[in-house]
Amino acid sequence: MRRNPYAGSRKSGGFRLEVFTDDELREIHLATLEVLSRTGVFVEDEEALEILAGAGADIDRERRVARLPAHIVEQALRTAPPKVVLCGRAPERDVVLEDGRVGFTNFGEGIQVVDPYTGELHESRKQDVADCTRLIDALDEIDVVERPLGAHDVHPDTAALHNAEAIFSNTTKHATIGPLTGFCARKMIDMAAAIAGGREQLRRRPLLSFLTCPVSPLKLVADCCRIIIEGVRAGIPVNVLSMAMAGGSAPVNLAGTLVEHNAEVLAGITLAQLTAPGAPVIYGSSTTAMDLRFASASVGSPECGMIGAGVACLARYYLLPSWVAGA
């Protein structure tokens, strides 16, 4: 099992960026609870609405909006585990996610590839997913494999399953994959269970984790709900990752963006914990600012770094492992 060094540990003099005080984090938390309880979140999936309603959420059936009382959200945060082990096919490739530990993964999902032999630029194909995964598997600096590319030479409805097959067949590291749909999530669990030796073996050693994104602002669309529900029921760690854009789908200022981001992630985590209390979840972020000149995401900008640092502070505040996008 791989336990990476702690970031910012006083005994080692590591680097640590504290962008908020504890009081400021509490202000963001309280503002988030107000958004969730008064504005609520759009929840497209019927079973997800029933799960939230059963816990005491106020459901507007016509608008499919769930208003989450503070006690539901805070109870979910208490049942979410502070440590998640991302298991590899080889046990020595296991990675521990917990407060302060820092690990690295590749960015995803690329859509084009420059052929290393011909120099041709083309849409990524399933073989490219496999080749890139083998490269990532060989790099000790990368702890887990996130789907690096998308297979565009297969039917889009099953592309996520082809991605999973290419990744599973070419790494002994833990794999995190966005299933995109509830159907693909179920089939991907079947694939991972076949590799692990059965459902119970997969539950004990989840060699796969799911990544799913709310739609900003404040929407848990049907597939996001299904991925969360299917994942936690099978014991698969689920990374709820917001991709809000400051100045676009979120307020232009840092604090406002973090409140919206936090509300989306906590809504997904609440659904996960109400479905299966104690289920492993990860507090995720690919939130950044919108480049107002081009209406595009400014990944790698100073604002992205500031938001990422703020997100990591929020995850630490909640005692949750975090997954934060960089450049």
Protein backbone atom coordinates (compact mmCIF):
# COMPACT_ATOMS: atom_id res chain seq x y z
CA MET A 1 0.00 0.00 0.00
CA ARG A 2 1.29 3.41 -0.92
CA ARG A 3 1.01 6.17 1.67
CA ASN A 4 2.20 9.40 0.10
CA PRO A 5 3.89 12.16 2.13
CA TYR A 6 1.83 14.70 4.00
CA ALA A 7 1.63 18.19 2.49
CA GLY A 8 2.42 21.04 4.86
CA SER A 9 3.48 18.85 7.78
CA ARG A 10 5.36 20.98 10.30
CA LYS A 11 7.91 18.25 10.92
CA SER A 12 8.92 18.12 7.24
CA GLY A 13 8.54 21.77 6.25
CA GLY A 14 6.22 20.94 3.35
CA PHE A 15 4.33 23.55 1.37
CA ARG A 16 0.80 24.40 2.45
CA LEU A 17 -1.47 27.15 1.19
CA GLU A 18 -4.12 28.29 3.65
CA VAL A 19 -6.39 30.63 1.72
CA PHE A 20 -9.11 30.82 4.39
CA THR A 21 -9.25 30.93 8.16
CA ASP A 22 -11.48 28.48 10.01
CA ASP A 23 -13.99 31.28 10.57
CA GLU A 24 -14.11 32.05 6.85
CA LEU A 25 -14.60 28.36 6.02
CA ARG A 26 -17.47 28.28 8.49
CA GLU A 27 -19.02 31.28 6.73
CA ILE A 28 -18.83 29.45 3.39
CA HIS A 29 -20.32 26.37 5.04
CA LEU A 30 -23.23 28.31 6.54
CA ALA A 31 -23.89 30.07 3.24
CA THR A 32 -23.89 26.67 1.53
CA LEU A 33 -26.43 25.30 3.99
CA GLU A 34 -28.63 28.32 3.29
CA VAL A 35 -28.46 27.70 -0.47
CA LEU A 36 -29.29 24.02 -0.05
CA SER A 37 -32.17 24.61 2.35
CA ARG A 38 -33.74 27.68 0.71
CA THR A 39 -32.90 27.49 -2.99
CA GLY A 40 -32.34 23.75 -3.18
CA VAL A 41 -31.00 21.63 -6.03
CA PHE A 42 -32.65 20.29 -9.16
CA VAL A 43 -32.78 16.48 -8.91
CA GLU A 44 -33.80 14.76 -12.14
CA ASP A 45 -33.85 11.14 -11.02
CA GLU A 46 -37.04 9.84 -9.40
CA GLU A 47 -35.37 7.38 -7.02
CA ALA A 48 -32.95 10.08 -5.87
CA LEU A 49 -35.90 12.34 -5.08
CA GLU A 50 -37.51 9.54 -3.07
CA ILE A 51 -34.30 8.92 -1.12
CA LEU A 52 -34.00 12.62 -0.26
CA ALA A 53 -37.70 12.90 0.59
CA GLY A 54 -37.43 9.88 2.89
CA ALA A 55 -34.75 11.70 4.89
CA GLY A 56 -36.88 14.81 5.33
CA ALA A 57 -36.03 16.98 2.32
CA ASP A 58 -38.71 19.34 1.05
CA ILE A 59 -39.52 18.20 -2.51
CA ASP A 60 -41.17 20.37 -5.16
CA ARG A 61 -42.41 17.61 -7.46
CA GLU A 62 -43.44 19.89 -10.28
CA ARG A 63 -40.05 21.59 -10.53
CA ARG A 64 -38.08 18.54 -9.29
CA VAL A 65 -36.29 20.71 -6.74
CA ALA A 66 -35.14 19.28 -3.41
CA ARG A 67 -34.50 21.62 -0.50
CA LEU A 68 -32.14 19.98 1.96
CA PRO A 69 -32.41 20.94 5.63
CA ALA A 70 -29.09 21.58 7.33
CA HIS A 71 -29.34 18.55 9.62
CA ILE A 72 -29.54 16.17 6.63
CA VAL A 73 -26.40 17.62 5.05
CA GLU A 74 -24.43 17.72 8.29
CA GLN A 75 -25.40 14.15 9.18
CA ALA A 76 -24.18 13.05 5.74
CA LEU A 77 -20.84 14.74 6.40
CA ARG A 78 -20.57 12.88 9.70
CA THR A 79 -21.16 9.46 8.10
CA ALA A 80 -18.78 10.01 5.16
CA PRO A 81 -15.43 8.32 5.94
CA PRO A 82 -12.36 10.55 6.33
CA LYS A 83 -10.12 8.03 4.56
CA VAL A 84 -10.57 6.24 1.25
CA VAL A 85 -8.25 3.51 -0.02
CA LEU A 86 -8.03 3.35 -3.81
CA CYS A 87 -7.07 -0.26 -4.43
CA GLY A 88 -5.00 -1.40 -7.37
CA ARG A 89 -5.05 -4.80 -9.05
CA ALA A 90 -1.65 -5.22 -7.41
CA PRO A 91 -1.91 -4.51 -3.64
CA GLU A 92 1.40 -2.63 -3.64
CA ARG A 93 -0.30 -0.11 -5.93
CA ASP A 94 -2.98 0.77 -3.32
CA VAL A 95 -3.17 4.51 -2.55
CA VAL A 96 -4.49 6.09 0.65
CA LEU A 97 -6.50 9.31 0.43
CA GLU A 98 -6.85 11.14 3.73
CA ASP A 99 -6.31 14.54 5.34
CA GLY A 100 -3.03 16.12 4.29
CA ARG A 101 -1.71 13.37 2.02
CA VAL A 102 -0.98 14.42 -1.54
CA GLY A 103 -0.93 12.17 -4.58
CA PHE A 104 -1.06 12.73 -8.31
CA THR A 105 -3.02 11.49 -11.29
CA ASN A 106 -3.10 12.34 -14.96
CA PHE A 107 -5.61 14.82 -16.36
CA GLY A 108 -8.54 13.59 -18.44
CA GLU A 109 -10.29 13.31 -20.80
CA GLY A 110 -8.22 14.15 -23.88
CA ILE A 111 -10.02 14.13 -27.22
CA GLN A 112 -7.13 14.28 -29.73
CA VAL A 113 -3.76 12.57 -30.11
CA VAL A 114 -0.60 13.30 -32.05
CA ASP A 115 0.56 9.95 -33.39
CA PRO A 116 4.11 9.43 -32.06
CA TYR A 117 5.20 7.67 -35.27
CA THR A 118 3.50 9.64 -38.05
CA GLY A 119 2.92 13.02 -36.41
CA GLU A 120 -0.73 12.83 -37.49
CA LEU A 121 -3.28 14.65 -35.32
CA HIS A 122 -6.47 12.62 -34.99
CA GLU A 123 -9.37 12.00 -32.65
CA SER A 124 -8.42 9.64 -29.87
CA ARG A 125 -9.27 5.99 -30.40
CA LYS A 126 -9.61 2.99 -28.12
CA GLN A 127 -6.06 1.88 -28.89
CA ASP A 128 -4.82 5.32 -27.87
CA VAL A 129 -6.59 4.89 -24.51
CA ALA A 130 -4.78 1.58 -24.04
CA ASP A 131 -1.39 2.96 -25.10
CA CYS A 132 -1.66 6.02 -22.87
CA THR A 133 -2.75 3.87 -19.93
CA ARG A 134 0.35 1.68 -20.33
CA LEU A 135 2.50 4.81 -20.25
CA ILE A 136 0.77 6.05 -17.08
CA ASP A 137 1.14 2.62 -15.50
CA ALA A 138 4.92 2.87 -15.95
CA LEU A 139 5.22 6.31 -14.33
CA ASP A 140 5.83 6.00 -10.58
CA GLU A 141 5.01 9.67 -10.10
CA ILE A 142 1.36 9.01 -11.05
CA ASP A 143 -0.52 7.18 -8.32
CA VAL A 144 -3.84 6.31 -9.97
CA VAL A 145 -5.09 6.24 -13.56
CA GLU A 146 -7.84 8.61 -14.55
CA ARG A 147 -9.23 7.86 -18.00
CA PRO A 148 -6.66 9.76 -20.06
CA LEU A 149 -8.48 9.80 -23.40
CA GLY A 150 -11.84 8.93 -24.86
CA ALA A 151 -12.46 6.21 -27.45
CA HIS A 152 -14.09 8.04 -30.37
CA ASP A 153 -14.00 5.10 -32.78
CA VAL A 154 -16.79 3.25 -30.95
CA HIS A 155 -20.47 3.98 -30.39
CA PRO A 156 -20.78 6.92 -27.96
CA ASP A 157 -23.43 5.15 -25.87
CA THR A 158 -20.90 2.48 -24.88
CA ALA A 159 -17.66 4.48 -25.18
CA ALA A 160 -17.24 4.56 -21.39
CA LEU A 161 -17.23 0.74 -21.31
CA HIS A 162 -14.62 0.59 -24.05
CA ASN A 163 -12.54 3.11 -22.08
CA ALA A 164 -12.85 0.88 -19.01
CA GLU A 165 -11.80 -2.23 -20.92
CA ALA A 166 -8.75 -0.48 -22.36
CA ILE A 167 -7.76 0.84 -18.92
CA PHE A 168 -8.37 -2.38 -16.96
CA SER A 169 -6.32 -4.36 -19.47
CA ASN A 170 -3.28 -2.10 -19.28
CA THR A 171 -2.64 -1.12 -15.67
CA THR A 172 -2.22 -2.62 -12.22
CA LYS A 173 -2.97 0.77 -10.63
CA HIS A 174 -6.34 1.93 -9.37
CA ALA A 175 -8.59 3.30 -12.13
CA THR A 176 -11.05 6.16 -11.82
CA ILE A 177 -13.49 6.47 -14.69
CA GLY A 178 -16.53 8.59 -15.47
CA PRO A 179 -19.25 6.10 -16.51
CA LEU A 180 -21.38 8.94 -18.01
CA THR A 181 -24.64 6.96 -17.57
CA GLY A 182 -26.23 4.74 -14.98
CA PHE A 183 -26.28 1.86 -17.48
CA CYS A 184 -22.53 2.10 -18.03
CA ALA A 185 -21.97 2.38 -14.28
CA ARG A 186 -23.75 -0.94 -13.69
CA LYS A 187 -21.87 -2.67 -16.50
CA MET A 188 -18.56 -1.23 -15.33
CA ILE A 189 -19.20 -2.64 -11.85
CA ASP A 190 -19.82 -6.04 -13.48
CA MET A 191 -16.49 -5.74 -15.33
CA ALA A 192 -14.60 -4.80 -12.17
CA ALA A 193 -16.29 -7.58 -10.19
CA ALA A 194 -15.20 -10.13 -12.81
CA ILE A 195 -11.61 -8.93 -12.41
CA ALA A 196 -11.78 -8.86 -8.60
CA GLY A 197 -13.36 -12.31 -8.34
CA GLY A 198 -16.89 -11.30 -7.37
CA ARG A 199 -19.00 -8.49 -5.94
CA GLU A 200 -17.93 -9.04 -2.33
CA GLN A 201 -14.25 -9.11 -3.27
CA LEU A 202 -14.77 -5.87 -5.20
CA ARG A 203 -16.48 -4.31 -2.19
CA ARG A 204 -13.53 -5.25 0.02
CA ARG A 205 -10.95 -4.08 -2.51
CA PRO A 206 -12.52 -1.57 -4.93
CA LEU A 207 -10.08 -1.38 -7.84
CA LEU A 208 -12.38 1.13 -9.54
CA SER A 209 -13.82 4.48 -8.53
CA PHE A 210 -16.44 6.59 -10.28
CA LEU A 211 -16.24 10.25 -11.15
CA THR A 212 -19.47 12.15 -11.79
CA CYS A 213 -20.28 15.83 -12.19
CA PRO A 214 -23.28 17.88 -11.13
CA VAL A 215 -24.35 20.37 -13.79
CA SER A 216 -23.81 23.95 -12.70
CA PRO A 217 -25.66 25.71 -11.35
CA LEU A 218 -27.15 23.39 -8.73
CA LYS A 219 -28.33 20.41 -10.79
CA LEU A 220 -28.03 16.69 -10.10
CA VAL A 221 -29.09 15.36 -13.51
CA ALA A 222 -30.40 11.83 -13.91
CA ASP A 223 -27.13 10.16 -14.92
CA CYS A 224 -25.21 11.87 -12.10
CA CYS A 225 -27.76 10.54 -9.60
CA ARG A 226 -27.68 7.04 -11.07
CA ILE A 227 -23.86 6.88 -11.00
CA ILE A 228 -23.83 7.96 -7.34
CA ILE A 229 -26.55 5.48 -6.33
CA GLU A 230 -25.18 2.51 -8.31
CA GLY A 231 -21.62 3.22 -7.15
CA VAL A 232 -22.21 3.49 -3.41
CA ARG A 233 -24.51 0.47 -3.35
CA ALA A 234 -21.67 -1.59 -4.80
CA GLY A 235 -19.07 -0.13 -2.42
CA ILE A 236 -17.35 1.79 -5.22
CA PRO A 237 -15.81 5.13 -4.13
CA VAL A 238 -17.61 8.00 -5.85
CA ASN A 239 -15.92 11.29 -6.62
CA VAL A 240 -18.54 14.06 -6.80
CA LEU A 241 -16.78 16.71 -8.84
CA SER A 242 -18.20 20.14 -9.62
CA MET A 243 -17.09 21.94 -12.79
CA ALA A 244 -18.55 25.36 -12.07
CA MET A 245 -17.09 28.35 -13.92
CA ALA A 246 -16.75 31.65 -12.07
CA GLY A 247 -18.29 34.37 -14.21
CA GLY A 248 -20.22 31.84 -16.28
CA SER A 249 -22.22 29.20 -14.44
CA ALA A 250 -21.18 30.54 -11.02
CA PRO A 251 -20.70 33.97 -9.39
CA VAL A 252 -17.67 35.87 -10.60
CA ASN A 253 -16.07 36.20 -7.16
CA LEU A 254 -14.12 33.47 -5.38
CA ALA A 255 -16.32 33.16 -2.29
CA GLY A 256 -19.56 33.00 -4.31
CA THR A 257 -18.15 30.39 -6.66
CA LEU A 258 -17.02 28.25 -3.73
CA VAL A 259 -20.46 28.43 -2.12
CA GLU A 260 -22.09 27.18 -5.33
CA HIS A 261 -19.41 24.56 -5.88
CA ASN A 262 -19.74 23.41 -2.28
CA ALA A 263 -23.52 23.16 -2.55
CA GLU A 264 -23.30 20.96 -5.63
CA VAL A 265 -20.71 18.61 -4.14
CA LEU A 266 -22.43 18.37 -0.75
CA ALA A 267 -25.76 17.63 -2.45
CA GLY A 268 -24.15 14.67 -4.24
CA ILE A 269 -22.41 13.49 -1.08
CA THR A 270 -25.69 13.76 0.85
CA LEU A 271 -27.43 11.59 -1.76
CA ALA A 272 -24.57 9.07 -1.48
CA GLN A 273 -24.70 8.88 2.32
CA LEU A 274 -28.50 8.63 2.43
CA THR A 275 -28.29 5.76 -0.07
CA ALA A 276 -25.51 3.91 1.78
CA PRO A 277 -24.32 5.50 5.06
CA GLY A 278 -20.57 5.29 5.39
CA ALA A 279 -20.02 4.87 1.65
CA PRO A 280 -16.59 6.10 0.46
CA VAL A 281 -16.86 9.46 -1.27
CA ILE A 282 -14.37 12.03 -2.54
CA TYR A 283 -14.81 15.80 -2.59
CA GLY A 284 -13.95 16.73 -6.18
CA SER A 285 -13.25 19.90 -8.10
CA SER A 286 -12.54 20.94 -11.64
CA THR A 287 -14.00 24.36 -10.94
CA THR A 288 -12.23 27.32 -12.48
CA ALA A 289 -12.93 30.80 -13.84
CA MET A 290 -14.37 31.58 -17.26
CA ASP A 291 -12.13 33.54 -19.60
CA LEU A 292 -14.49 36.43 -20.31
CA ARG A 293 -12.80 37.15 -23.65
CA PHE A 294 -13.42 33.72 -25.13
CA ALA A 295 -16.17 32.27 -22.90
CA SER A 296 -13.94 29.27 -22.18
CA ALA A 297 -12.60 27.63 -19.04
CA SER A 298 -9.28 29.14 -17.96
CA VAL A 299 -7.61 25.95 -16.75
CA GLY A 300 -4.12 26.67 -15.43
CA SER A 301 -4.92 30.28 -14.58
CA PRO A 302 -4.14 31.90 -11.20
CA GLU A 303 -7.87 31.85 -10.47
CA CYS A 304 -7.94 28.08 -11.01
CA GLY A 305 -5.13 27.68 -8.49
CA MET A 306 -6.89 29.90 -5.95
CA ILE A 307 -10.16 28.00 -6.34
CA GLY A 308 -8.33 24.67 -6.06
CA ALA A 309 -6.62 25.78 -2.85
CA GLY A 310 -9.95 26.92 -1.45
CA VAL A 311 -11.60 23.62 -2.37
CA ALA A 312 -8.84 21.65 -0.65
CA CYS A 313 -9.37 23.75 2.49
CA LEU A 314 -13.11 23.02 2.39
CA ALA A 315 -12.52 19.29 2.02
CA ARG A 316 -10.12 19.36 4.96
CA TYR A 317 -12.72 21.33 6.95
CA TYR A 318 -15.18 18.47 6.35
CA LEU A 319 -12.55 15.75 6.99
CA LEU A 320 -13.06 14.43 3.46
CA PRO A 321 -10.44 13.31 0.95
CA SER A 322 -10.26 15.70 -1.99
CA TRP A 323 -9.54 15.45 -5.71
CA VAL A 324 -8.60 18.80 -7.22
CA ALA A 325 -7.82 19.57 -10.86
CA GLY A 326 -4.60 21.33 -11.79
CA ALA A 327 -2.89 22.19 -15.05
